[in-house]
PDB file of all heavy atoms in Angstrom:
ATOM      1  N   LYS A   1    -145.500 -62.029 -25.301  1.00  0.00           N
ATOM      2  CA  LYS A   1    -145.002 -61.074 -26.302  1.00  0.00           C
ATOM      3  C   LYS A   1    -146.027 -59.994 -26.591  1.00  0.00           C
ATOM      4  O   LYS A   1    -145.698 -58.805 -26.654  1.00  0.00           O
ATOM      5  CB  LYS A   1    -144.652 -61.816 -27.623  1.00  0.00           C
ATOM      6  CG  LYS A   1    -143.407 -62.643 -27.534  1.00  0.00           C
ATOM      7  CD  LYS A   1    -143.132 -63.358 -28.856  1.00  0.00           C
ATOM      8  CE  LYS A   1    -141.911 -64.230 -28.764  1.00  0.00           C
ATOM      9  NZ  LYS A   1    -141.605 -64.903 -30.031  1.00  0.00           N
ATOM     10  N   ARG A   2    -147.293 -60.409 -26.734  1.00  0.00           N
ATOM     11  CA  ARG A   2    -148.351 -59.414 -26.976  1.00  0.00           C
ATOM     12  C   ARG A   2    -148.509 -58.475 -25.798  1.00  0.00           C
ATOM     13  O   ARG A   2    -148.673 -57.270 -25.955  1.00  0.00           O
ATOM     14  CB  ARG A   2    -149.691 -60.119 -27.266  1.00  0.00           C
ATOM     15  CG  ARG A   2    -149.890 -60.483 -28.702  1.00  0.00           C
ATOM     16  CD  ARG A   2    -151.340 -60.881 -28.989  1.00  0.00           C
ATOM     17  NE  ARG A   2    -151.863 -61.911 -28.101  1.00  0.00           N
ATOM     18  CZ  ARG A   2    -151.773 -63.215 -28.307  1.00  0.00           C
ATOM     19  NH1 ARG A   2    -151.177 -63.666 -29.379  1.00  0.00           N
ATOM     20  NH2 ARG A   2    -152.282 -64.067 -27.463  1.00  0.00           N
ATOM     21  N   GLU A   3    -148.439 -59.044 -24.587  1.00  0.00           N
ATOM     22  CA  GLU A   3    -148.553 -58.212 -23.400  1.00  0.00           C
ATOM     23  C   GLU A   3    -147.399 -57.195 -23.306  1.00  0.00           C
ATOM     24  O   GLU A   3    -147.602 -56.058 -22.917  1.00  0.00           O
ATOM     25  CB  GLU A   3    -148.571 -59.094 -22.121  1.00  0.00           C
ATOM     26  CG  GLU A   3    -149.868 -59.796 -21.892  1.00  0.00           C
ATOM     27  CD  GLU A   3    -149.863 -60.600 -20.603  1.00  0.00           C
ATOM     28  OE1 GLU A   3    -148.783 -61.135 -20.220  1.00  0.00           O
ATOM     29  OE2 GLU A   3    -150.920 -60.657 -19.976  1.00  0.00           O
ATOM     30  N   LEU A   4    -146.200 -57.639 -23.658  1.00  0.00           N
ATOM     31  CA  LEU A   4    -145.035 -56.732 -23.636  1.00  0.00           C
ATOM     32  C   LEU A   4    -145.258 -55.580 -24.619  1.00  0.00           C
ATOM     33  O   LEU A   4    -145.012 -54.405 -24.296  1.00  0.00           O
ATOM     34  CB  LEU A   4    -143.757 -57.490 -23.975  1.00  0.00           C
ATOM     35  CG  LEU A   4    -142.500 -56.607 -24.035  1.00  0.00           C
ATOM     36  CD1 LEU A   4    -142.082 -56.195 -22.644  1.00  0.00           C
ATOM     37  CD2 LEU A   4    -141.381 -57.321 -24.740  1.00  0.00           C
ATOM     38  N   ILE A   5    -145.760 -55.916 -25.795  1.00  0.00           N
ATOM     39  CA  ILE A   5    -146.015 -54.871 -26.796  1.00  0.00           C
ATOM     40  C   ILE A   5    -147.099 -53.893 -26.309  1.00  0.00           C
ATOM     41  O   ILE A   5    -146.948 -52.683 -26.466  1.00  0.00           O
ATOM     42  CB  ILE A   5    -146.396 -55.523 -28.141  1.00  0.00           C
ATOM     43  CG1 ILE A   5    -145.183 -56.235 -28.751  1.00  0.00           C
ATOM     44  CG2 ILE A   5    -146.958 -54.480 -29.120  1.00  0.00           C
ATOM     45  CD1 ILE A   5    -145.492 -57.144 -29.918  1.00  0.00           C
ATOM     46  N   GLU A   6    -148.132 -54.407 -25.674  1.00  0.00           N
ATOM     47  CA  GLU A   6    -149.186 -53.536 -25.134  1.00  0.00           C
ATOM     48  C   GLU A   6    -148.641 -52.637 -24.015  1.00  0.00           C
ATOM     49  O   GLU A   6    -148.985 -51.458 -23.944  1.00  0.00           O
ATOM     50  CB  GLU A   6    -150.357 -54.375 -24.594  1.00  0.00           C
ATOM     51  CG  GLU A   6    -151.189 -55.020 -25.699  1.00  0.00           C
ATOM     52  CD  GLU A   6    -152.235 -55.985 -25.130  1.00  0.00           C
ATOM     53  OE1 GLU A   6    -152.587 -55.863 -23.941  1.00  0.00           O
ATOM     54  OE2 GLU A   6    -152.693 -56.841 -25.905  1.00  0.00           O
ATOM     55  N   CYS A   7    -147.777 -53.190 -23.158  1.00  0.00           N
ATOM     56  CA  CYS A   7    -147.176 -52.395 -22.098  1.00  0.00           C
ATOM     57  C   CYS A   7    -146.271 -51.295 -22.691  1.00  0.00           C
ATOM     58  O   CYS A   7    -146.241 -50.173 -22.174  1.00  0.00           O
ATOM     59  CB  CYS A   7    -146.359 -53.277 -21.148  1.00  0.00           C
ATOM     60  SG  CYS A   7    -147.363 -54.291 -20.046  1.00  0.00           S
ATOM     61  N   ALA A   8    -145.549 -51.631 -23.750  1.00  0.00           N
ATOM     62  CA  ALA A   8    -144.674 -50.639 -24.388  1.00  0.00           C
ATOM     63  C   ALA A   8    -145.526 -49.497 -24.960  1.00  0.00           C
ATOM     64  O   ALA A   8    -145.160 -48.338 -24.856  1.00  0.00           O
ATOM     65  CB  ALA A   8    -143.841 -51.296 -25.483  1.00  0.00           C
ATOM     66  N   ARG A   9    -146.673 -49.843 -25.548  1.00  0.00           N
ATOM     67  CA  ARG A   9    -147.564 -48.802 -26.074  1.00  0.00           C
ATOM     68  C   ARG A   9    -148.085 -47.922 -24.944  1.00  0.00           C
ATOM     69  O   ARG A   9    -148.174 -46.697 -25.068  1.00  0.00           O
ATOM     70  CB  ARG A   9    -148.725 -49.431 -26.811  1.00  0.00           C
ATOM     71  CG  ARG A   9    -148.394 -49.867 -28.191  1.00  0.00           C
ATOM     72  CD  ARG A   9    -149.661 -50.243 -28.976  1.00  0.00           C
ATOM     73  NE  ARG A   9    -149.260 -50.980 -30.161  1.00  0.00           N
ATOM     74  CZ  ARG A   9    -149.636 -52.223 -30.440  1.00  0.00           C
ATOM     75  NH1 ARG A   9    -150.481 -52.840 -29.640  1.00  0.00           N
ATOM     76  NH2 ARG A   9    -149.225 -52.828 -31.512  1.00  0.00           N
ATOM     77  N   ALA A  10    -148.453 -48.557 -23.829  1.00  0.00           N
ATOM     78  CA  ALA A  10    -148.973 -47.795 -22.695  1.00  0.00           C
ATOM     79  C   ALA A  10    -147.896 -46.851 -22.135  1.00  0.00           C
ATOM     80  O   ALA A  10    -148.206 -45.709 -21.807  1.00  0.00           O
ATOM     81  CB  ALA A  10    -149.443 -48.751 -21.592  1.00  0.00           C
ATOM     82  N   VAL A  11    -146.663 -47.305 -22.068  1.00  0.00           N
ATOM     83  CA  VAL A  11    -145.572 -46.445 -21.593  1.00  0.00           C
ATOM     84  C   VAL A  11    -145.386 -45.272 -22.552  1.00  0.00           C
ATOM     85  O   VAL A  11    -145.198 -44.136 -22.123  1.00  0.00           O
ATOM     86  CB  VAL A  11    -144.258 -47.266 -21.430  1.00  0.00           C
ATOM     87  CG1 VAL A  11    -143.061 -46.350 -21.286  1.00  0.00           C
ATOM     88  CG2 VAL A  11    -144.394 -48.167 -20.221  1.00  0.00           C
ATOM     89  N   THR A  12    -145.477 -45.526 -23.848  1.00  0.00           N
ATOM     90  CA  THR A  12    -145.350 -44.457 -24.828  1.00  0.00           C
ATOM     91  C   THR A  12    -146.436 -43.388 -24.621  1.00  0.00           C
ATOM     92  O   THR A  12    -146.153 -42.188 -24.645  1.00  0.00           O
ATOM     93  CB  THR A  12    -145.456 -45.017 -26.268  1.00  0.00           C
ATOM     94  OG1 THR A  12    -144.397 -45.964 -26.459  1.00  0.00           O
ATOM     95  CG2 THR A  12    -145.342 -43.936 -27.309  1.00  0.00           C
ATOM     96  N   GLU A  13    -147.656 -43.831 -24.397  1.00  0.00           N
ATOM     97  CA  GLU A  13    -148.755 -42.895 -24.149  1.00  0.00           C
ATOM     98  C   GLU A  13    -148.515 -42.097 -22.859  1.00  0.00           C
ATOM     99  O   GLU A  13    -148.728 -40.895 -22.815  1.00  0.00           O
ATOM    100  CB  GLU A  13    -150.095 -43.642 -24.041  1.00  0.00           C
ATOM    101  CG  GLU A  13    -150.577 -44.206 -25.335  1.00  0.00           C
ATOM    102  CD  GLU A  13    -151.801 -45.095 -25.167  1.00  0.00           C
ATOM    103  OE1 GLU A  13    -152.474 -44.994 -24.108  1.00  0.00           O
ATOM    104  OE2 GLU A  13    -152.075 -45.892 -26.068  1.00  0.00           O
ATOM    105  N   LYS A  14    -148.030 -42.776 -21.816  1.00  0.00           N
ATOM    106  CA  LYS A  14    -147.795 -42.099 -20.538  1.00  0.00           C
ATOM    107  C   LYS A  14    -146.639 -41.115 -20.643  1.00  0.00           C
ATOM    108  O   LYS A  14    -146.666 -40.054 -20.011  1.00  0.00           O
ATOM    109  CB  LYS A  14    -147.538 -43.128 -19.438  1.00  0.00           C
ATOM    110  CG  LYS A  14    -148.793 -43.927 -19.094  1.00  0.00           C
ATOM    111  CD  LYS A  14    -148.520 -45.007 -18.082  1.00  0.00           C
ATOM    112  CE  LYS A  14    -149.649 -45.987 -17.907  1.00  0.00           C
ATOM    113  NZ  LYS A  14    -150.943 -45.477 -17.603  1.00  0.00           N
ATOM    114  N   VAL A  15    -145.642 -41.425 -21.468  1.00  0.00           N
ATOM    115  CA  VAL A  15    -144.532 -40.482 -21.691  1.00  0.00           C
ATOM    116  C   VAL A  15    -145.075 -39.205 -22.330  1.00  0.00           C
ATOM    117  O   VAL A  15    -144.708 -38.086 -21.926  1.00  0.00           O
ATOM    118  CB  VAL A  15    -143.439 -41.108 -22.570  1.00  0.00           C
ATOM    119  CG1 VAL A  15    -142.479 -40.068 -23.115  1.00  0.00           C
ATOM    120  CG2 VAL A  15    -142.649 -42.149 -21.791  1.00  0.00           C
ATOM    121  N   SER A  16    -145.958 -39.345 -23.315  1.00  0.00           N
ATOM    122  CA  SER A  16    -146.512 -38.153 -23.962  1.00  0.00           C
ATOM    123  C   SER A  16    -147.347 -37.335 -22.977  1.00  0.00           C
ATOM    124  O   SER A  16    -147.339 -36.102 -23.057  1.00  0.00           O
ATOM    125  CB  SER A  16    -147.315 -38.518 -25.215  1.00  0.00           C
ATOM    126  OG  SER A  16    -148.467 -39.244 -24.854  1.00  0.00           O
ATOM    127  N   LEU A  17    -148.034 -37.982 -22.050  1.00  0.00           N
ATOM    128  CA  LEU A  17    -148.814 -37.254 -21.050  1.00  0.00           C
ATOM    129  C   LEU A  17    -147.886 -36.498 -20.094  1.00  0.00           C
ATOM    130  O   LEU A  17    -148.179 -35.371 -19.705  1.00  0.00           O
ATOM    131  CB  LEU A  17    -149.704 -38.212 -20.265  1.00  0.00           C
ATOM    132  CG  LEU A  17    -150.860 -38.838 -21.057  1.00  0.00           C
ATOM    133  CD1 LEU A  17    -151.594 -39.877 -20.192  1.00  0.00           C
ATOM    134  CD2 LEU A  17    -151.823 -37.770 -21.543  1.00  0.00           C
ATOM    135  N   VAL A  18    -146.773 -37.117 -19.698  1.00  0.00           N
ATOM    136  CA  VAL A  18    -145.804 -36.419 -18.852  1.00  0.00           C
ATOM    137  C   VAL A  18    -145.236 -35.222 -19.575  1.00  0.00           C
ATOM    138  O   VAL A  18    -145.122 -34.119 -19.014  1.00  0.00           O
ATOM    139  CB  VAL A  18    -144.662 -37.381 -18.389  1.00  0.00           C
ATOM    140  CG1 VAL A  18    -143.535 -36.623 -17.721  1.00  0.00           C
ATOM    141  CG2 VAL A  18    -145.200 -38.460 -17.470  1.00  0.00           C
ATOM    142  N   LEU A  19    -144.877 -35.408 -20.851  1.00  0.00           N
ATOM    143  CA  LEU A  19    -144.326 -34.314 -21.641  1.00  0.00           C
ATOM    144  C   LEU A  19    -145.310 -33.148 -21.739  1.00  0.00           C
ATOM    145  O   LEU A  19    -144.925 -31.986 -21.569  1.00  0.00           O
ATOM    146  CB  LEU A  19    -143.930 -34.773 -23.036  1.00  0.00           C
ATOM    147  CG  LEU A  19    -142.606 -35.500 -23.142  1.00  0.00           C
ATOM    148  CD1 LEU A  19    -142.441 -36.088 -24.540  1.00  0.00           C
ATOM    149  CD2 LEU A  19    -141.456 -34.571 -22.810  1.00  0.00           C
ATOM    150  N   SER A  20    -146.573 -33.446 -21.961  1.00  0.00           N
ATOM    151  CA  SER A  20    -147.557 -32.387 -22.074  1.00  0.00           C
ATOM    152  C   SER A  20    -147.750 -31.639 -20.742  1.00  0.00           C
ATOM    153  O   SER A  20    -147.886 -30.426 -20.723  1.00  0.00           O
ATOM    154  CB  SER A  20    -148.907 -32.912 -22.604  1.00  0.00           C
ATOM    155  OG  SER A  20    -149.516 -33.744 -21.655  1.00  0.00           O
ATOM    156  N   ALA A  21    -147.688 -32.371 -19.638  1.00  0.00           N
ATOM    157  CA  ALA A  21    -147.808 -31.711 -18.340  1.00  0.00           C
ATOM    158  C   ALA A  21    -146.588 -30.832 -18.071  1.00  0.00           C
ATOM    159  O   ALA A  21    -146.709 -29.702 -17.575  1.00  0.00           O
ATOM    160  CB  ALA A  21    -147.934 -32.767 -17.223  1.00  0.00           C
ATOM    161  N   LEU A  22    -145.404 -31.326 -18.417  1.00  0.00           N
ATOM    162  CA  LEU A  22    -144.193 -30.508 -18.212  1.00  0.00           C
ATOM    163  C   LEU A  22    -144.223 -29.268 -19.107  1.00  0.00           C
ATOM    164  O   LEU A  22    -143.829 -28.179 -18.658  1.00  0.00           O
ATOM    165  CB  LEU A  22    -142.954 -31.352 -18.527  1.00  0.00           C
ATOM    166  CG  LEU A  22    -142.613 -32.426 -17.508  1.00  0.00           C
ATOM    167  CD1 LEU A  22    -141.521 -33.359 -18.032  1.00  0.00           C
ATOM    168  CD2 LEU A  22    -142.201 -31.807 -16.181  1.00  0.00           C
ATOM    169  N   GLN A  23    -144.671 -29.432 -20.325  1.00  0.00           N
ATOM    170  CA  GLN A  23    -144.723 -28.265 -21.234  1.00  0.00           C
ATOM    171  C   GLN A  23    -145.745 -27.252 -20.772  1.00  0.00           C
ATOM    172  O   GLN A  23    -145.538 -26.049 -20.885  1.00  0.00           O
ATOM    173  CB  GLN A  23    -145.006 -28.725 -22.663  1.00  0.00           C
ATOM    174  CG  GLN A  23    -143.808 -29.461 -23.262  1.00  0.00           C
ATOM    175  CD  GLN A  23    -144.127 -30.153 -24.552  1.00  0.00           C
ATOM    176  OE1 GLN A  23    -145.283 -30.361 -24.912  1.00  0.00           O
ATOM    177  NE2 GLN A  23    -143.106 -30.546 -25.270  1.00  0.00           N
ATOM    178  N   ALA A  24    -146.841 -27.726 -20.193  1.00  0.00           N
ATOM    179  CA  ALA A  24    -147.855 -26.794 -19.674  1.00  0.00           C
ATOM    180  C   ALA A  24    -147.296 -26.003 -18.512  1.00  0.00           C
ATOM    181  O   ALA A  24    -147.619 -24.814 -18.346  1.00  0.00           O
ATOM    182  CB  ALA A  24    -149.097 -27.558 -19.242  1.00  0.00           C
ATOM    183  N   GLY A  25    -146.444 -26.612 -17.720  1.00  0.00           N
ATOM    184  CA  GLY A  25    -145.864 -25.924 -16.594  1.00  0.00           C
ATOM    185  C   GLY A  25    -144.645 -25.075 -16.917  1.00  0.00           C
ATOM    186  O   GLY A  25    -144.175 -24.306 -16.096  1.00  0.00           O
ATOM    187  N   ASN A  26    -144.139 -25.212 -18.126  1.00  0.00           N
ATOM    188  CA  ASN A  26    -142.884 -24.537 -18.487  1.00  0.00           C
ATOM    189  C   ASN A  26    -143.018 -23.678 -19.750  1.00  0.00           C
ATOM    190  O   ASN A  26    -142.067 -23.564 -20.493  1.00  0.00           O
ATOM    191  CB  ASN A  26    -141.782 -25.549 -18.667  1.00  0.00           C
ATOM    192  CG  ASN A  26    -141.395 -26.215 -17.378  1.00  0.00           C
ATOM    193  OD1 ASN A  26    -141.276 -25.552 -16.366  1.00  0.00           O
ATOM    194  ND2 ASN A  26    -141.210 -27.500 -17.413  1.00  0.00           N
ATOM    195  N   LYS A  27    -144.166 -23.094 -19.956  1.00  0.00           N
ATOM    196  CA  LYS A  27    -144.337 -22.289 -21.170  1.00  0.00           C
ATOM    197  C   LYS A  27    -143.367 -21.113 -21.194  1.00  0.00           C
ATOM    198  O   LYS A  27    -142.737 -20.833 -22.195  1.00  0.00           O
ATOM    199  CB  LYS A  27    -145.779 -21.792 -21.275  1.00  0.00           C
ATOM    200  CG  LYS A  27    -146.730 -22.902 -21.648  1.00  0.00           C
ATOM    201  CD  LYS A  27    -148.143 -22.405 -21.803  1.00  0.00           C
ATOM    202  CE  LYS A  27    -149.039 -23.576 -22.124  1.00  0.00           C
ATOM    203  NZ  LYS A  27    -150.421 -23.221 -22.256  1.00  0.00           N
ATOM    204  N   GLY A  28    -143.207 -20.453 -20.056  1.00  0.00           N
ATOM    205  CA  GLY A  28    -142.274 -19.326 -20.003  1.00  0.00           C
ATOM    206  C   GLY A  28    -140.844 -19.801 -20.157  1.00  0.00           C
ATOM    207  O   GLY A  28    -140.027 -19.150 -20.830  1.00  0.00           O
ATOM    208  N   THR A  29    -140.513 -20.932 -19.562  1.00  0.00           N
ATOM    209  CA  THR A  29    -139.159 -21.492 -19.673  1.00  0.00           C
ATOM    210  C   THR A  29    -138.869 -21.833 -21.106  1.00  0.00           C
ATOM    211  O   THR A  29    -137.788 -21.558 -21.613  1.00  0.00           O
ATOM    212  CB  THR A  29    -139.045 -22.753 -18.795  1.00  0.00           C
ATOM    213  OG1 THR A  29    -139.357 -22.396 -17.457  1.00  0.00           O
ATOM    214  CG2 THR A  29    -137.649 -23.329 -18.853  1.00  0.00           C
ATOM    215  N   GLN A  30    -139.825 -22.434 -21.797  1.00  0.00           N
ATOM    216  CA  GLN A  30    -139.613 -22.808 -23.201  1.00  0.00           C
ATOM    217  C   GLN A  30    -139.420 -21.576 -24.055  1.00  0.00           C
ATOM    218  O   GLN A  30    -138.568 -21.569 -24.958  1.00  0.00           O
ATOM    219  CB  GLN A  30    -140.789 -23.645 -23.719  1.00  0.00           C
ATOM    220  CG  GLN A  30    -140.544 -24.223 -25.105  1.00  0.00           C
ATOM    221  CD  GLN A  30    -139.324 -25.120 -25.139  1.00  0.00           C
ATOM    222  OE1 GLN A  30    -139.118 -25.956 -24.295  1.00  0.00           O
ATOM    223  NE2 GLN A  30    -138.506 -24.936 -26.138  1.00  0.00           N
ATOM    224  N   ALA A  31    -140.139 -20.515 -23.787  1.00  0.00           N
ATOM    225  CA  ALA A  31    -139.974 -19.288 -24.554  1.00  0.00           C
ATOM    226  C   ALA A  31    -138.561 -18.717 -24.330  1.00  0.00           C
ATOM    227  O   ALA A  31    -137.933 -18.239 -25.273  1.00  0.00           O
ATOM    228  CB  ALA A  31    -141.018 -18.250 -24.135  1.00  0.00           C
ATOM    229  N   CYS A  32    -138.061 -18.790 -23.097  1.00  0.00           N
ATOM    230  CA  CYS A  32    -136.709 -18.329 -22.812  1.00  0.00           C
ATOM    231  C   CYS A  32    -135.673 -19.200 -23.521  1.00  0.00           C
ATOM    232  O   CYS A  32    -134.686 -18.687 -24.063  1.00  0.00           O
ATOM    233  CB  CYS A  32    -136.436 -18.347 -21.305  1.00  0.00           C
ATOM    234  SG  CYS A  32    -137.320 -17.065 -20.420  1.00  0.00           S
ATOM    235  N   ILE A  33    -135.886 -20.510 -23.548  1.00  0.00           N
ATOM    236  CA  ILE A  33    -134.962 -21.405 -24.220  1.00  0.00           C
ATOM    237  C   ILE A  33    -134.923 -21.105 -25.722  1.00  0.00           C
ATOM    238  O   ILE A  33    -133.856 -21.049 -26.335  1.00  0.00           O
ATOM    239  CB  ILE A  33    -135.352 -22.883 -23.984  1.00  0.00           C
ATOM    240  CG1 ILE A  33    -135.089 -23.260 -22.524  1.00  0.00           C
ATOM    241  CG2 ILE A  33    -134.593 -23.823 -24.903  1.00  0.00           C
ATOM    242  CD1 ILE A  33    -135.650 -24.585 -22.091  1.00  0.00           C
ATOM    243  N   THR A  34    -136.087 -20.874 -26.305  1.00  0.00           N
ATOM    244  CA  THR A  34    -136.178 -20.550 -27.737  1.00  0.00           C
ATOM    245  C   THR A  34    -135.459 -19.228 -28.028  1.00  0.00           C
ATOM    246  O   THR A  34    -134.702 -19.109 -28.980  1.00  0.00           O
ATOM    247  CB  THR A  34    -137.648 -20.469 -28.185  1.00  0.00           C
ATOM    248  OG1 THR A  34    -138.260 -21.724 -27.886  1.00  0.00           O
ATOM    249  CG2 THR A  34    -137.762 -20.175 -29.655  1.00  0.00           C
ATOM    250  N   ALA A  35    -135.700 -18.228 -27.187  1.00  0.00           N
ATOM    251  CA  ALA A  35    -135.049 -16.929 -27.373  1.00  0.00           C
ATOM    252  C   ALA A  35    -133.548 -17.059 -27.203  1.00  0.00           C
ATOM    253  O   ALA A  35    -132.769 -16.463 -27.985  1.00  0.00           O
ATOM    254  CB  ALA A  35    -135.630 -15.908 -26.396  1.00  0.00           C
ATOM    255  N   ALA A  36    -133.098 -17.796 -26.212  1.00  0.00           N
ATOM    256  CA  ALA A  36    -131.659 -17.975 -25.982  1.00  0.00           C
ATOM    257  C   ALA A  36    -131.008 -18.685 -27.171  1.00  0.00           C
ATOM    258  O   ALA A  36    -129.898 -18.336 -27.575  1.00  0.00           O
ATOM    259  CB  ALA A  36    -131.426 -18.751 -24.689  1.00  0.00           C
ATOM    260  N   SER A  37    -131.722 -19.639 -27.729  1.00  0.00           N
ATOM    261  CA  SER A  37    -131.204 -20.330 -28.897  1.00  0.00           C
ATOM    262  C   SER A  37    -131.062 -19.409 -30.080  1.00  0.00           C
ATOM    263  O   SER A  37    -130.059 -19.448 -30.815  1.00  0.00           O
ATOM    264  CB  SER A  37    -132.130 -21.510 -29.243  1.00  0.00           C
ATOM    265  OG  SER A  37    -131.684 -22.166 -30.398  1.00  0.00           O
ATOM    266  N   ALA A  38    -132.073 -18.551 -30.282  1.00  0.00           N
ATOM    267  CA  ALA A  38    -132.004 -17.586 -31.386  1.00  0.00           C
ATOM    268  C   ALA A  38    -130.870 -16.598 -31.177  1.00  0.00           C
ATOM    269  O   ALA A  38    -130.116 -16.299 -32.114  1.00  0.00           O
ATOM    270  CB  ALA A  38    -133.335 -16.835 -31.505  1.00  0.00           C
ATOM    271  N   VAL A  39    -130.678 -16.128 -29.965  1.00  0.00           N
ATOM    272  CA  VAL A  39    -129.586 -15.196 -29.684  1.00  0.00           C
ATOM    273  C   VAL A  39    -128.236 -15.874 -29.879  1.00  0.00           C
ATOM    274  O   VAL A  39    -127.324 -15.290 -30.437  1.00  0.00           O
ATOM    275  CB  VAL A  39    -129.723 -14.620 -28.255  1.00  0.00           C
ATOM    276  CG1 VAL A  39    -128.463 -13.878 -27.829  1.00  0.00           C
ATOM    277  CG2 VAL A  39    -130.936 -13.718 -28.147  1.00  0.00           C
ATOM    278  N   SER A  40    -128.125 -17.128 -29.468  1.00  0.00           N
ATOM    279  CA  SER A  40    -126.879 -17.870 -29.659  1.00  0.00           C
ATOM    280  C   SER A  40    -126.555 -18.005 -31.163  1.00  0.00           C
ATOM    281  O   SER A  40    -125.401 -17.892 -31.549  1.00  0.00           O
ATOM    282  CB  SER A  40    -126.963 -19.260 -29.044  1.00  0.00           C
ATOM    283  OG  SER A  40    -127.055 -19.167 -27.665  1.00  0.00           O
ATOM    284  N   GLY A  41    -127.580 -18.247 -31.954  1.00  0.00           N
ATOM    285  CA  GLY A  41    -127.376 -18.307 -33.417  1.00  0.00           C
ATOM    286  C   GLY A  41    -126.884 -16.998 -33.981  1.00  0.00           C
ATOM    287  O   GLY A  41    -125.982 -16.972 -34.820  1.00  0.00           O
ATOM    288  N   ILE A  42    -127.459 -15.898 -33.534  1.00  0.00           N
ATOM    289  CA  ILE A  42    -127.053 -14.574 -34.002  1.00  0.00           C
ATOM    290  C   ILE A  42    -125.603 -14.303 -33.589  1.00  0.00           C
ATOM    291  O   ILE A  42    -124.790 -13.801 -34.395  1.00  0.00           O
ATOM    292  CB  ILE A  42    -128.004 -13.494 -33.486  1.00  0.00           C
ATOM    293  CG1 ILE A  42    -129.381 -13.656 -34.131  1.00  0.00           C
ATOM    294  CG2 ILE A  42    -127.458 -12.102 -33.720  1.00  0.00           C
ATOM    295  CD1 ILE A  42    -130.474 -12.816 -33.475  1.00  0.00           C
ATOM    296  N   ILE A  43    -125.269 -14.621 -32.353  1.00  0.00           N
ATOM    297  CA  ILE A  43    -123.903 -14.431 -31.875  1.00  0.00           C
ATOM    298  C   ILE A  43    -122.920 -15.245 -32.703  1.00  0.00           C
ATOM    299  O   ILE A  43    -121.852 -14.762 -33.075  1.00  0.00           O
ATOM    300  CB  ILE A  43    -123.803 -14.748 -30.365  1.00  0.00           C
ATOM    301  CG1 ILE A  43    -124.550 -13.691 -29.559  1.00  0.00           C
ATOM    302  CG2 ILE A  43    -122.344 -14.842 -29.912  1.00  0.00           C
ATOM    303  CD1 ILE A  43    -124.717 -14.034 -28.084  1.00  0.00           C
TER     304      ILE A  43
END
């Protein structure tokens, strides 16, 4: 049970590392998504 909990924590940490790598590679994409969302709200 303890090992399962430790593995779950490790997966959580690795997910955050993947997210940060994806966000670093998609800064321009994220800016476009944010702008598109704002334009959709205005429309």
